[in-house]
Amino acid sequence: MRARIAPDDPGTTDDREALSWSPGNPVLFDADVRLTGPEGVVDRADGYTAMRSVRVDGGRVLLNERPIALRLVLDQGHWPETGLTPPDRAALERDVELTQALGFNGVRKHQKVEDARYLRVADERGLLVWDELPSAYRFTPLAARRLTEEWLAVVDRDAGHPCVIAWVPFNESWGVPDLPLVAAQRELVRALAHLTRALDPTRPVVSNDGWEVVGGDLVGVHDYEQDPARLAARLAQPLDDLLALERPNGRKLLLDAEGRAGRPVLLTEFGGIAYTAEALEDETWGYERARTPEDLLHRYRELLAAVHAAPALAGFCYTQLTDTYQEANGLLAADRTPKAPLEELAAATRGDRA
């Protein structure tokens, strides 16, 4: 899009801000790169670039040196007819459009390295993306080598996209199930976090999202509490007290000896409210079940209000964007039909006051 220069107070902004890429101002610059020699152009490449910075500081995520509250949604990128393969570019465009219409400013691509065309659309429309590596089935030296090789390729392919603001090599200790007990598994998680930073020092790394965090720059917490009052009370605690709590099956949130060390804390999975036709209830699943669109909207509003009431959090990620096979906890059905009015869901996502 073309840069917009607003007549703001020159003491608080300047032209650089208007030219910086962000969700509200996804400015891209066409690039025409030419290698010339004595006989003229030897090689040429066309593309695009953007001006955008992201880092963490003081418990916050900074985009272009300004704090940003992340409103993410978990997105597994499945389609009913084609599985993990998008039917066409229009389907990817529709997903980005619906994500933004629901009030989210980003997605956590879950257990999938998404089609590069999606990242192009996200670049163009200003949607933030967390890039996540699918997990191995079990931990072995061969799995460690293959994960590393695959992750190197992912970072190399996607590092040029301004929409990508975080790397997530592991989720919920999948593929490394014995992190508290097996040093080699902890070293793999640490190693991939450090390797990612070495390859790309311009983005934060989420070493292991959900629990049993070892290293990394952000701490993601997964909590599917369905009682809004209990969730609000839990999130209202000081962050260090929150991180001292155990997760399902007695899992600790932090394993690294240095503790939180000022890292931003985000609620990176919560919600998961299922709603589907009554005839399909026995074959579908969610963390809780709504019976009507109104019931779904009410439950969603209450949970999001609890999360918005926790100012110490640097952001959240709701589960999830679309129904995926037996998981009926999407805000959209698998065919992308909204389960409640988009405008009302979006108002809850943004935390708009009535």
Protein backbone atom coordinates (compact mmCIF):
# COMPACT_ATOMS: atom_id res chain seq x y z
CA MET A 1 0.00 0.00 0.00
CA ARG A 2 1.07 3.63 -0.43
CA ALA A 3 2.56 5.33 2.63
CA ARG A 4 0.30 7.72 4.49
CA ILE A 5 1.84 10.88 5.96
CA ALA A 6 -0.47 12.19 8.66
CA PRO A 7 -0.27 15.78 9.99
CA ASP A 8 0.63 14.62 13.49
CA ASP A 9 2.50 16.56 16.12
CA PRO A 10 6.16 16.58 14.95
CA GLY A 11 7.19 16.22 18.56
CA THR A 12 5.65 12.73 18.77
CA THR A 13 5.98 11.36 15.24
CA ASP A 14 7.68 11.90 11.91
CA ASP A 15 7.67 10.57 8.37
CA ARG A 16 9.49 7.41 9.41
CA GLU A 17 6.50 6.30 11.46
CA ALA A 18 4.20 6.65 8.48
CA LEU A 19 6.61 4.57 6.41
CA SER A 20 6.97 1.80 9.00
CA TRP A 21 5.10 -1.47 8.47
CA SER A 22 2.47 -2.30 11.11
CA PRO A 23 -1.00 -3.91 11.27
CA GLY A 24 -2.64 -0.53 10.79
CA ASN A 25 -0.16 0.66 8.16
CA PRO A 26 1.24 -2.26 6.13
CA VAL A 27 3.57 -0.22 3.94
CA LEU A 28 5.60 -2.28 1.46
CA PHE A 29 8.31 -1.03 -0.89
CA ASP A 30 8.92 -2.58 -4.27
CA ALA A 31 12.53 -3.62 -4.76
CA ASP A 32 14.36 -3.93 -8.08
CA VAL A 33 17.86 -5.25 -7.40
CA ARG A 34 20.37 -5.35 -10.24
CA LEU A 35 23.92 -6.66 -10.46
CA THR A 36 25.82 -4.80 -13.14
CA GLY A 37 29.18 -5.31 -14.77
CA PRO A 38 31.20 -3.72 -17.57
CA GLU A 39 28.76 -5.15 -20.11
CA GLY A 40 25.58 -4.13 -18.32
CA VAL A 41 23.10 -6.02 -16.12
CA VAL A 42 24.42 -9.44 -15.12
CA ASP A 43 21.52 -10.47 -12.90
CA ARG A 44 18.28 -8.98 -11.63
CA ALA A 45 15.73 -9.80 -8.95
CA ASP A 46 12.37 -8.22 -8.17
CA GLY A 47 10.66 -8.30 -4.80
CA TYR A 48 9.50 -6.12 -1.95
CA THR A 49 10.65 -5.09 1.49
CA ALA A 50 9.45 -3.11 4.50
CA MET A 51 10.71 -1.09 7.44
CA ARG A 52 9.70 -2.83 10.66
CA SER A 53 11.35 -3.72 13.97
CA VAL A 54 10.25 -6.09 16.72
CA ARG A 55 11.85 -6.83 20.07
CA VAL A 56 10.98 -7.38 23.71
CA ASP A 57 11.74 -5.02 26.57
CA GLY A 58 10.39 -4.51 30.06
CA GLY A 59 7.89 -7.32 29.80
CA ARG A 60 6.37 -5.96 26.60
CA VAL A 61 6.55 -6.71 22.88
CA LEU A 62 7.67 -3.65 20.95
CA LEU A 63 6.73 -3.15 17.31
CA ASN A 64 8.63 -0.25 15.77
CA GLU A 65 9.71 0.63 19.33
CA ARG A 66 6.10 1.02 20.52
CA PRO A 67 4.36 -1.49 22.86
CA ILE A 68 1.78 -3.60 21.07
CA ALA A 69 -0.83 -5.80 22.70
CA LEU A 70 -0.93 -9.02 20.68
CA ARG A 71 -4.41 -10.32 19.89
CA LEU A 72 -3.65 -13.62 18.21
CA VAL A 73 -5.77 -16.58 17.20
CA LEU A 74 -4.59 -20.17 16.85
CA ASP A 75 -4.76 -21.15 13.19
CA GLN A 76 -4.06 -24.71 12.04
CA GLY A 77 -4.63 -23.95 8.36
CA HIS A 78 -6.88 -26.88 7.40
CA TRP A 79 -9.57 -26.94 4.72
CA PRO A 80 -12.38 -29.57 4.47
CA GLU A 81 -11.62 -30.62 0.90
CA THR A 82 -7.84 -30.31 0.75
CA GLY A 83 -6.49 -30.75 4.29
CA LEU A 84 -3.29 -28.78 4.84
CA THR A 85 -3.17 -27.64 1.20
CA PRO A 86 -4.97 -24.36 0.52
CA PRO A 87 -7.47 -24.71 -2.33
CA ASP A 88 -6.16 -21.51 -3.94
CA ARG A 89 -4.80 -18.06 -3.10
CA ALA A 90 -8.33 -16.76 -2.64
CA ALA A 91 -8.79 -19.16 0.28
CA LEU A 92 -5.67 -17.72 1.94
CA GLU A 93 -6.90 -14.19 1.34
CA ARG A 94 -10.26 -15.11 2.86
CA ASP A 95 -8.60 -16.49 5.99
CA VAL A 96 -6.61 -13.28 6.52
CA GLU A 97 -9.73 -11.20 5.90
CA LEU A 98 -11.80 -13.19 8.40
CA THR A 99 -9.04 -13.15 11.01
CA GLN A 100 -8.92 -9.37 10.90
CA ALA A 101 -12.72 -9.11 10.77
CA LEU A 102 -12.80 -11.05 14.05
CA GLY A 103 -10.69 -8.34 15.70
CA PHE A 104 -7.36 -10.18 15.80
CA ASN A 105 -4.14 -8.47 14.79
CA GLY A 106 -2.21 -11.70 14.32
CA VAL A 107 -2.19 -15.48 14.12
CA ARG A 108 -0.18 -18.21 15.71
CA LYS A 109 0.20 -20.71 12.89
CA HIS A 110 -0.06 -23.96 14.82
CA GLN A 111 1.94 -27.09 13.96
CA LYS A 112 2.20 -25.98 10.37
CA VAL A 113 4.63 -24.03 8.22
CA GLU A 114 2.11 -22.14 6.15
CA ASP A 115 2.07 -21.67 2.39
CA ALA A 116 4.35 -18.76 1.50
CA ARG A 117 1.44 -17.13 -0.34
CA TYR A 118 -0.31 -16.69 3.01
CA LEU A 119 2.67 -14.75 4.32
CA ARG A 120 2.57 -12.56 1.22
CA VAL A 121 -1.09 -11.77 1.88
CA ALA A 122 -0.33 -11.12 5.57
CA ASP A 123 2.47 -8.75 4.52
CA GLU A 124 0.10 -6.88 2.22
CA ARG A 125 -2.78 -6.63 4.70
CA GLY A 126 -0.88 -6.14 7.95
CA LEU A 127 -1.48 -9.36 9.87
CA LEU A 128 1.15 -10.46 12.41
CA VAL A 129 2.31 -14.09 12.26
CA TRP A 130 4.02 -16.44 14.72
CA ASP A 131 5.89 -19.05 12.67
CA GLU A 132 5.78 -22.50 14.32
CA LEU A 133 7.56 -25.77 13.50
CA PRO A 134 5.48 -28.98 13.48
CA SER A 135 6.61 -31.32 16.25
CA ALA A 136 8.39 -34.63 15.99
CA TYR A 137 6.60 -37.74 17.27
CA ARG A 138 9.37 -38.69 19.69
CA PHE A 139 12.85 -37.59 20.70
CA THR A 140 15.78 -39.34 19.02
CA PRO A 141 19.12 -38.08 17.66
CA LEU A 142 17.72 -38.55 14.16
CA ALA A 143 14.62 -36.51 15.03
CA ALA A 144 16.87 -33.78 16.46
CA ARG A 145 18.87 -33.59 13.23
CA ARG A 146 15.78 -33.55 11.05
CA LEU A 147 14.05 -30.90 13.17
CA THR A 148 17.15 -28.72 12.97
CA GLU A 149 17.46 -29.11 9.20
CA GLU A 150 13.78 -28.36 8.67
CA TRP A 151 13.87 -25.34 10.98
CA LEU A 152 16.90 -23.92 9.18
CA ALA A 153 14.95 -24.08 5.94
CA VAL A 154 11.88 -22.47 7.53
CA VAL A 155 13.81 -19.54 8.97
CA ASP A 156 15.66 -19.06 5.69
CA ARG A 157 12.43 -19.06 3.67
CA ASP A 158 10.31 -16.85 5.94
CA ALA A 159 12.79 -14.35 7.43
CA GLY A 160 12.13 -11.83 4.66
CA HIS A 161 8.44 -11.42 5.56
CA PRO A 162 7.69 -8.39 7.76
CA CYS A 163 4.51 -10.09 9.03
CA VAL A 164 6.55 -12.78 10.82
CA ILE A 165 7.33 -11.39 14.28
CA ALA A 166 8.20 -14.52 16.30
CA TRP A 167 9.67 -18.00 15.87
CA VAL A 168 8.24 -21.02 17.73
CA PRO A 169 10.34 -24.20 17.36
CA PHE A 170 8.50 -26.24 20.06
CA ASN A 171 4.98 -26.45 21.49
CA GLU A 172 3.88 -28.05 24.79
CA SER A 173 6.99 -30.26 24.92
CA TRP A 174 5.70 -32.30 21.97
CA GLY A 175 8.55 -34.44 20.68
CA VAL A 176 10.55 -33.62 23.83
CA PRO A 177 8.19 -35.07 26.49
CA ASP A 178 10.78 -35.54 29.23
CA LEU A 179 12.27 -32.05 29.41
CA PRO A 180 12.49 -31.97 33.24
CA LEU A 181 14.32 -35.33 33.31
CA VAL A 182 16.41 -35.62 30.15
CA ALA A 183 19.19 -33.09 29.70
CA ALA A 184 19.57 -33.86 25.99
CA GLN A 185 15.98 -32.77 25.35
CA ARG A 186 16.51 -29.51 27.22
CA GLU A 187 19.69 -28.91 25.27
CA LEU A 188 17.86 -29.40 21.97
CA VAL A 189 15.24 -26.81 22.93
CA ARG A 190 17.92 -24.37 24.10
CA ALA A 191 20.04 -25.05 21.03
CA LEU A 192 17.23 -24.34 18.57
CA ALA A 193 16.35 -21.14 20.42
CA HIS A 194 19.98 -19.96 20.33
CA LEU A 195 20.43 -21.08 16.72
CA THR A 196 17.31 -19.18 15.70
CA ARG A 197 18.63 -16.02 17.35
CA ALA A 198 21.98 -16.50 15.59
CA LEU A 199 20.24 -16.84 12.22
CA ASP A 200 17.80 -14.01 12.88
CA PRO A 201 18.56 -11.68 15.80
CA THR A 202 15.73 -9.36 14.72
CA ARG A 203 12.81 -11.39 16.12
CA PRO A 204 12.01 -12.95 19.51
CA VAL A 205 11.95 -16.73 19.97
CA VAL A 206 9.35 -18.74 21.88
CA SER A 207 11.44 -21.76 22.78
CA ASN A 208 8.64 -24.07 24.01
CA ASP A 209 5.14 -22.62 24.04
CA GLY A 210 2.72 -23.51 26.81
CA TRP A 211 4.82 -24.87 29.68
CA GLU A 212 8.24 -26.24 30.60
CA VAL A 213 9.85 -23.16 29.12
CA VAL A 214 13.60 -23.47 28.57
CA GLY A 215 15.23 -20.25 27.37
CA GLY A 216 13.70 -18.05 24.71
CA ASP A 217 12.49 -14.46 24.76
CA LEU A 218 8.77 -14.88 25.46
CA VAL A 219 6.84 -17.03 27.93
CA GLY A 220 3.61 -18.54 26.61
CA VAL A 221 1.05 -19.94 29.07
CA HIS A 222 -1.75 -22.35 28.08
CA ASP A 223 -4.83 -22.29 30.30
CA TYR A 224 -8.22 -23.67 29.27
CA GLU A 225 -10.09 -22.65 32.43
CA GLN A 226 -13.70 -22.12 31.38
CA ASP A 227 -14.91 -20.19 34.44
CA PRO A 228 -14.26 -16.51 33.63
CA ALA A 229 -14.07 -15.50 37.29
CA ARG A 230 -11.49 -18.16 38.10
CA LEU A 231 -9.47 -17.30 34.99
CA ALA A 232 -9.56 -13.59 35.86
CA ALA A 233 -8.41 -14.29 39.42
CA ARG A 234 -5.56 -16.46 38.19
CA LEU A 235 -4.40 -13.89 35.64
CA ALA A 236 -4.63 -11.06 38.18
CA GLN A 237 -1.77 -12.52 40.20
CA PRO A 238 1.74 -11.06 39.94
CA LEU A 239 3.40 -12.67 36.93
CA ASP A 240 6.02 -14.49 38.98
CA ASP A 241 3.25 -16.04 41.10
CA LEU A 242 1.33 -16.99 37.98
CA LEU A 243 4.39 -18.69 36.53
CA ALA A 244 4.90 -20.65 39.76
CA LEU A 245 1.63 -22.49 39.13
CA GLU A 246 1.68 -25.99 37.68
CA ARG A 247 0.04 -26.83 34.39
CA PRO A 248 -1.89 -30.05 33.52
CA ASN A 249 -0.38 -33.26 34.93
CA GLY A 250 1.87 -31.28 37.26
CA ARG A 251 3.97 -29.68 34.53
CA LYS A 252 5.96 -26.62 35.57
CA LEU A 253 5.79 -23.44 33.53
CA LEU A 254 9.46 -22.53 33.85
CA LEU A 255 12.38 -24.95 33.82
CA ASP A 256 15.23 -22.54 33.17
CA ALA A 257 17.02 -21.52 36.36
CA GLU A 258 16.98 -17.79 35.62
CA GLY A 259 13.20 -17.52 36.05
CA ARG A 260 11.12 -15.08 34.04
CA ALA A 261 13.92 -12.49 33.89
CA GLY A 262 11.61 -9.76 32.62
CA ARG A 263 10.39 -11.73 29.62
CA PRO A 264 6.90 -10.85 28.34
CA VAL A 265 4.20 -13.32 29.40
CA LEU A 266 1.32 -14.12 27.06
CA LEU A 267 -1.73 -16.37 27.38
CA THR A 268 -1.00 -18.27 24.18
CA GLU A 269 -3.81 -20.84 24.33
CA PHE A 270 -7.18 -20.49 26.03
CA GLY A 271 -10.87 -20.73 25.24
CA GLY A 272 -11.55 -23.67 22.95
CA ILE A 273 -15.35 -23.36 23.19
CA ALA A 274 -17.03 -25.89 20.89
CA TYR A 275 -20.24 -25.19 19.03
CA THR A 276 -21.69 -27.35 16.29
CA ALA A 277 -24.96 -28.91 15.17
CA GLU A 278 -26.51 -31.06 17.88
CA ALA A 279 -26.34 -34.10 15.60
CA LEU A 280 -22.54 -33.78 15.45
CA GLU A 281 -21.88 -33.30 19.15
CA ASP A 282 -20.98 -36.94 19.83
CA GLU A 283 -18.26 -36.92 17.17
CA THR A 284 -16.76 -33.50 17.90
CA TRP A 285 -14.81 -32.05 20.79
CA GLY A 286 -13.93 -28.85 22.62
CA TYR A 287 -12.85 -27.74 26.09
CA GLU A 288 -16.41 -26.53 26.72
CA ARG A 289 -19.57 -26.63 24.66
CA ALA A 290 -21.97 -23.88 23.70
CA ARG A 291 -25.51 -24.80 22.64
CA THR A 292 -26.47 -21.77 20.55
CA PRO A 293 -24.72 -18.92 18.75
CA GLU A 294 -25.87 -16.61 21.54
CA ASP A 295 -24.39 -18.96 24.14
CA LEU A 296 -21.08 -19.07 22.24
CA LEU A 297 -20.95 -15.28 22.01
CA HIS A 298 -21.74 -14.89 25.71
CA ARG A 299 -19.05 -17.35 26.77
CA TYR A 300 -16.53 -15.75 24.41
CA ARG A 301 -17.28 -12.27 25.74
CA GLU A 302 -16.85 -13.39 29.33
CA LEU A 303 -13.52 -15.16 28.71
CA LEU A 304 -12.12 -12.28 26.67
CA ALA A 305 -13.18 -9.79 29.32
CA ALA A 306 -11.25 -11.81 31.90
CA VAL A 307 -8.15 -11.74 29.72
CA HIS A 308 -8.41 -8.03 28.91
CA ALA A 309 -8.62 -7.37 32.66
CA ALA A 310 -5.08 -8.72 33.09
CA PRO A 311 -2.91 -5.74 32.07
CA ALA A 312 0.35 -7.51 32.96
CA LEU A 313 -0.08 -9.86 30.01
CA ALA A 314 1.64 -8.82 26.79
CA GLY A 315 -1.03 -10.49 24.69
CA PHE A 316 -3.14 -13.57 24.08
CA CYS A 317 -3.94 -16.27 21.54
CA TYR A 318 -7.46 -17.71 21.42
CA THR A 319 -8.13 -21.33 20.42
CA GLN A 320 -9.10 -21.30 17.59
CA LEU A 321 -9.92 -19.75 14.21
CA THR A 322 -11.69 -22.64 12.45
CA ASP A 323 -13.02 -26.08 13.24
CA THR A 324 -10.42 -28.71 12.39
CA TYR A 325 -11.64 -32.29 11.93
CA GLN A 326 -13.04 -33.42 15.31
CA GLU A 327 -12.14 -30.11 16.97
CA ALA A 328 -15.31 -28.03 16.85
CA ASN A 329 -13.92 -25.11 18.85
CA GLY A 330 -13.41 -22.65 16.01
CA LEU A 331 -15.02 -19.24 15.85
CA LEU A 332 -15.59 -20.24 12.23
CA ALA A 333 -16.85 -23.56 10.97
CA ALA A 334 -14.48 -25.57 8.79
CA ASP A 335 -16.05 -23.99 5.69
CA ARG A 336 -15.31 -20.54 7.23
CA THR A 337 -18.93 -19.77 8.15
CA PRO A 338 -18.95 -17.53 11.29
CA LYS A 339 -20.68 -19.17 14.26
CA ALA A 340 -21.80 -15.81 15.70
CA PRO A 341 -21.97 -12.27 14.27
CA LEU A 342 -18.47 -11.16 13.25
CA GLU A 343 -18.90 -7.62 14.54
CA GLU A 344 -19.89 -8.78 18.02
CA LEU A 345 -17.09 -11.34 18.22
CA ALA A 346 -14.63 -8.67 17.06
CA ALA A 347 -15.77 -6.22 19.74
CA ALA A 348 -15.06 -8.88 22.39
CA THR A 349 -11.68 -9.67 20.83
CA ARG A 350 -10.63 -6.02 20.94
CA GLY A 351 -12.01 -5.53 24.44
CA ASP A 352 -14.39 -2.78 23.33
CA ARG A 353 -16.56 -1.51 26.11
CA ALA A 354 -20.30 -1.53 25.60
